[in-house]
């Protein structure tokens, strides 16, 4: 029987600084909740806003898959492996921290805010060579269908590990579909970016999250125009080798 955990948007942690406004679904930084330490190998889901010219200075990471999805504006990325890139809304960047590197992320605009989702996934293997990937999300015009942009067997996608799939889509009111879980034992964390959805009979609004496991199929229906959904399918057991 399917099991669920529901995180309303207004129950998330909140850090506000002059350089960052961050809403945190799971424990991170100054926000600690022992009942919210992640969802399987999904460790971090931060909803971040950077004022013009502000951002994260050089700092280290290792053994983590760090995924950034710009929602508005663009991020300027630099890292100690020599990668420099601009990640704008409509793109996705993945930093495989591996054995370790330093990086910075700044709002590329001096006067407009940048909004992005910061997502961390535990790696499949430890201490692998770091690497950086910048890819494209499906266009906004391809509506009412789910597009997988992270996955081990997706021709145009990015692989972070062989058992993780990320998908997104824009849906109109009444549009419905069934999500089939790719791998037995995986769970699905659905995060509403904009609008409203029914997910397995539960109503979610913007920035609500719903974790589902012990289920092979999930029923989803749009409840508003131009509703946008992010689905993250991940193993529920953390066991990096």
Protein backbone atom coordinates (compact mmCIF):
# COMPACT_ATOMS: atom_id res chain seq x y z
CA UNK A 1 0.00 0.00 0.00
CA UNK A 2 1.27 3.44 -0.94
CA UNK A 3 2.70 5.61 1.82
CA UNK A 4 2.82 9.40 1.83
CA UNK A 5 4.49 12.37 3.48
CA UNK A 6 3.03 15.81 2.77
CA UNK A 7 5.00 19.04 3.17
CA UNK A 8 2.92 22.21 2.82
CA UNK A 9 4.82 25.22 1.51
CA UNK A 10 4.29 27.24 4.68
CA UNK A 11 5.84 24.52 6.88
CA UNK A 12 9.27 24.81 5.25
CA UNK A 13 12.27 26.31 6.99
CA UNK A 14 13.05 29.93 6.13
CA UNK A 15 16.38 31.75 6.14
CA UNK A 16 16.40 35.40 5.15
CA UNK A 17 19.61 37.39 4.65
CA UNK A 18 20.43 40.47 2.60
CA UNK A 19 22.11 38.19 0.03
CA UNK A 20 19.73 35.21 0.08
CA UNK A 21 16.12 34.31 0.80
CA UNK A 22 15.77 30.54 1.13
CA UNK A 23 12.78 28.25 1.78
CA UNK A 24 13.91 24.77 2.79
CA UNK A 25 11.83 21.61 2.49
CA UNK A 26 14.47 19.56 4.33
CA UNK A 27 16.94 20.35 7.12
CA UNK A 28 19.76 22.51 5.83
CA UNK A 29 22.03 25.19 7.27
CA UNK A 30 20.31 27.09 10.07
CA UNK A 31 17.09 25.10 9.63
CA UNK A 32 17.10 21.79 11.49
CA UNK A 33 14.15 19.42 11.80
CA UNK A 34 14.98 15.81 12.73
CA UNK A 35 11.82 14.63 10.96
CA UNK A 36 12.93 16.31 7.73
CA UNK A 37 16.36 14.96 6.91
CA UNK A 38 15.50 14.19 3.29
CA UNK A 39 13.55 11.70 1.22
CA UNK A 40 15.62 8.64 0.38
CA UNK A 41 18.73 9.85 -1.46
CA UNK A 42 17.09 13.25 -2.00
CA UNK A 43 18.85 15.28 0.69
CA UNK A 44 18.17 18.96 -0.07
CA UNK A 45 15.34 20.88 -1.75
CA UNK A 46 15.86 24.62 -1.35
CA UNK A 47 13.75 27.31 -3.01
CA UNK A 48 16.26 30.17 -3.27
CA UNK A 49 16.07 33.84 -4.28
CA UNK A 50 19.22 35.92 -4.86
CA UNK A 51 19.04 39.74 -5.07
CA UNK A 52 20.88 41.45 -7.91
CA UNK A 53 24.63 40.87 -7.77
CA UNK A 54 24.43 38.62 -4.70
CA UNK A 55 25.23 34.96 -4.30
CA UNK A 56 27.32 32.18 -2.81
CA UNK A 57 31.07 32.88 -2.66
CA UNK A 58 33.72 30.20 -3.18
CA UNK A 59 33.06 27.23 -0.89
CA UNK A 60 33.82 23.49 -0.97
CA UNK A 61 31.68 20.39 -1.61
CA UNK A 62 32.39 16.71 -2.02
CA UNK A 63 30.46 13.51 -2.66
CA UNK A 64 27.17 15.09 -3.60
CA UNK A 65 25.17 15.63 -6.80
CA UNK A 66 24.16 19.32 -6.72
CA UNK A 67 21.40 20.27 -9.15
CA UNK A 68 20.33 23.85 -9.82
CA UNK A 69 17.15 24.67 -11.74
CA UNK A 70 16.84 28.42 -12.47
CA UNK A 71 13.21 29.58 -12.45
CA UNK A 72 13.84 33.28 -13.07
CA UNK A 73 16.92 35.17 -14.15
CA UNK A 74 20.31 33.43 -14.36
CA UNK A 75 23.21 32.15 -12.27
CA UNK A 76 26.91 32.69 -12.92
CA UNK A 77 28.85 29.53 -12.06
CA UNK A 78 32.61 29.13 -11.53
CA UNK A 79 34.47 26.21 -9.97
CA UNK A 80 37.98 25.03 -9.18
CA UNK A 81 37.84 22.48 -12.02
CA UNK A 82 37.90 25.41 -14.45
CA UNK A 83 34.23 25.43 -15.39
CA UNK A 84 32.56 28.79 -16.07
CA UNK A 85 28.96 29.04 -17.25
CA UNK A 86 25.74 31.02 -17.15
CA UNK A 87 22.68 28.96 -16.18
CA UNK A 88 19.51 30.80 -17.18
CA UNK A 89 15.84 29.97 -16.70
CA UNK A 90 15.10 27.08 -19.05
CA UNK A 91 18.40 25.35 -18.32
CA UNK A 92 19.62 22.96 -15.63
CA UNK A 93 23.09 22.67 -14.17
CA UNK A 94 24.48 19.62 -12.40
CA UNK A 95 27.69 19.73 -10.41
CA UNK A 96 29.04 16.29 -9.57
CA UNK A 97 31.18 17.25 -6.57
CA UNK A 98 32.84 13.84 -6.39
CA UNK A 99 36.20 13.82 -4.61
CA UNK A 100 35.91 17.56 -3.97
CA UNK A 101 35.98 21.02 -5.52
CA UNK A 102 35.25 24.67 -4.76
CA UNK A 103 32.55 26.66 -6.54
CA UNK A 104 30.62 29.94 -6.49
CA UNK A 105 27.11 30.81 -7.68
CA UNK A 106 26.09 34.43 -8.20
CA UNK A 107 23.08 36.19 -9.64
CA UNK A 108 24.28 37.15 -13.11
CA UNK A 109 22.19 40.35 -13.04
CA UNK A 110 23.15 43.38 -10.98
CA UNK A 111 19.58 44.62 -10.51
CA UNK A 112 17.07 41.78 -11.05
CA UNK A 113 16.43 38.86 -8.69
CA UNK A 114 17.32 35.29 -9.61
CA UNK A 115 15.15 32.42 -8.41
CA UNK A 116 16.24 28.80 -8.51
CA UNK A 117 15.73 25.39 -6.93
CA UNK A 118 18.83 23.94 -5.27
CA UNK A 119 18.61 20.16 -5.01
CA UNK A 120 21.13 17.72 -3.54
CA UNK A 121 21.18 13.97 -4.19
CA UNK A 122 23.51 11.50 -2.49
CA UNK A 123 25.88 9.97 -5.08
CA UNK A 124 25.95 6.36 -6.17
CA UNK A 125 29.72 6.10 -5.68
CA UNK A 126 32.14 8.08 -3.52
CA UNK A 127 35.24 10.04 -4.49
CA UNK A 128 34.69 9.99 -8.25
CA UNK A 129 36.24 12.73 -10.47
CA UNK A 130 34.25 16.00 -10.24
CA UNK A 131 32.45 17.22 -13.37
CA UNK A 132 29.98 19.88 -14.46
CA UNK A 133 27.07 19.67 -16.90
CA UNK A 134 24.80 22.41 -18.27
CA UNK A 135 21.69 21.21 -20.09
CA UNK A 136 18.34 22.46 -21.34
CA UNK A 137 14.87 21.89 -19.97
CA UNK A 138 11.98 21.14 -22.36
CA UNK A 139 10.35 24.29 -23.79
CA UNK A 140 7.36 25.82 -22.05
CA UNK A 141 5.29 25.32 -25.23
CA UNK A 142 5.39 21.50 -25.00
CA UNK A 143 2.43 21.30 -22.66
CA UNK A 144 0.43 18.57 -20.95
CA UNK A 145 3.17 15.98 -21.03
CA UNK A 146 5.91 15.02 -18.64
CA UNK A 147 9.50 15.41 -19.85
CA UNK A 148 12.36 13.50 -18.22
CA UNK A 149 15.52 15.62 -18.09
CA UNK A 150 17.59 13.57 -15.65
CA UNK A 151 17.78 9.83 -16.16
CA UNK A 152 20.24 7.05 -17.04
CA UNK A 153 18.44 6.14 -20.29
CA UNK A 154 17.23 9.55 -21.53
CA UNK A 155 18.81 10.52 -24.89
CA UNK A 156 18.83 14.27 -24.19
CA UNK A 157 18.93 13.99 -20.40
CA UNK A 158 21.65 14.14 -17.79
CA UNK A 159 22.50 11.14 -15.64
CA UNK A 160 23.40 11.71 -11.99
CA UNK A 161 23.15 8.04 -11.02
CA UNK A 162 21.65 4.93 -12.63
CA UNK A 163 18.55 4.86 -10.41
CA UNK A 164 17.38 8.52 -10.39
CA UNK A 165 14.89 10.18 -12.74
CA UNK A 166 13.78 13.85 -12.70
CA UNK A 167 10.86 15.01 -14.83
CA UNK A 168 8.91 18.23 -15.31
CA UNK A 169 6.04 19.63 -17.31
CA UNK A 170 3.50 22.44 -17.73
CA UNK A 171 -0.13 21.33 -17.50
CA UNK A 172 -3.50 22.92 -18.19
CA UNK A 173 -6.59 22.56 -16.05
CA UNK A 174 -7.98 19.03 -16.28
CA UNK A 175 -4.92 17.50 -17.96
CA UNK A 176 -4.14 14.16 -16.33
CA UNK A 177 -1.61 11.37 -16.59
CA UNK A 178 -0.25 8.34 -14.75
CA UNK A 179 3.36 8.33 -13.61
CA UNK A 180 4.89 4.84 -13.67
CA UNK A 181 7.78 4.34 -11.25
CA UNK A 182 10.88 3.27 -13.19
CA UNK A 183 12.54 1.08 -10.58
CA UNK A 184 11.01 -1.09 -7.83
CA UNK A 185 11.79 0.29 -4.38
CA UNK A 186 12.12 3.87 -5.59
CA UNK A 187 10.04 6.67 -4.11
CA UNK A 188 8.70 9.76 -5.84
CA UNK A 189 8.84 13.29 -4.47
CA UNK A 190 6.46 15.62 -6.32
CA UNK A 191 7.04 19.37 -5.95
CA UNK A 192 4.59 21.89 -7.36
CA UNK A 193 6.45 24.84 -8.87
CA UNK A 194 3.35 26.77 -9.95
CA UNK A 195 -0.41 26.22 -9.88
CA UNK A 196 -2.32 23.35 -8.32
CA UNK A 197 -2.52 19.57 -8.81
CA UNK A 198 -4.29 16.49 -7.57
CA UNK A 199 -1.68 13.83 -6.86
CA UNK A 200 -3.11 10.46 -5.82
CA UNK A 201 -6.24 12.30 -4.63
CA UNK A 202 -4.35 14.88 -2.55
CA UNK A 203 -4.55 18.55 -3.53
CA UNK A 204 -1.24 20.42 -3.75
CA UNK A 205 -0.65 24.12 -4.33
CA UNK A 206 2.45 26.05 -5.38
CA UNK A 207 5.60 24.98 -3.53
CA UNK A 208 3.87 22.08 -1.73
CA UNK A 209 5.71 18.74 -1.78
CA UNK A 210 4.42 15.18 -1.55
CA UNK A 211 6.60 12.10 -1.04
CA UNK A 212 5.17 8.75 -2.16
CA UNK A 213 6.67 5.30 -1.80
CA UNK A 214 5.57 1.65 -1.92
CA UNK A 215 3.65 2.51 -5.07
CA UNK A 216 4.13 1.54 -8.73
CA UNK A 217 1.82 4.15 -10.30
CA UNK A 218 0.84 7.70 -9.33
CA UNK A 219 -2.23 9.51 -10.67
CA UNK A 220 -1.78 13.22 -11.40
CA UNK A 221 -4.24 15.88 -12.62
CA UNK A 222 -3.82 19.61 -13.21
CA UNK A 223 -6.16 21.87 -11.24
CA UNK A 224 -5.20 25.24 -12.73
CA UNK A 225 -3.97 26.72 -15.98
CA UNK A 226 -0.23 26.69 -16.58
CA UNK A 227 0.50 24.50 -13.58
CA UNK A 228 4.10 23.31 -13.38
CA UNK A 229 5.29 20.17 -11.65
CA UNK A 230 8.68 18.67 -10.77
CA UNK A 231 8.87 14.93 -10.12
CA UNK A 232 11.98 13.43 -8.51
CA UNK A 233 12.16 9.63 -8.44
CA UNK A 234 14.90 8.36 -6.13
CA UNK A 235 15.99 5.24 -4.22
CA UNK A 236 14.71 5.21 -0.66
CA UNK A 237 17.87 3.58 0.73
CA UNK A 238 21.07 5.62 1.11
CA UNK A 239 24.04 3.35 0.42
CA UNK A 240 26.95 5.03 -1.43
CA UNK A 241 29.82 2.66 -2.13
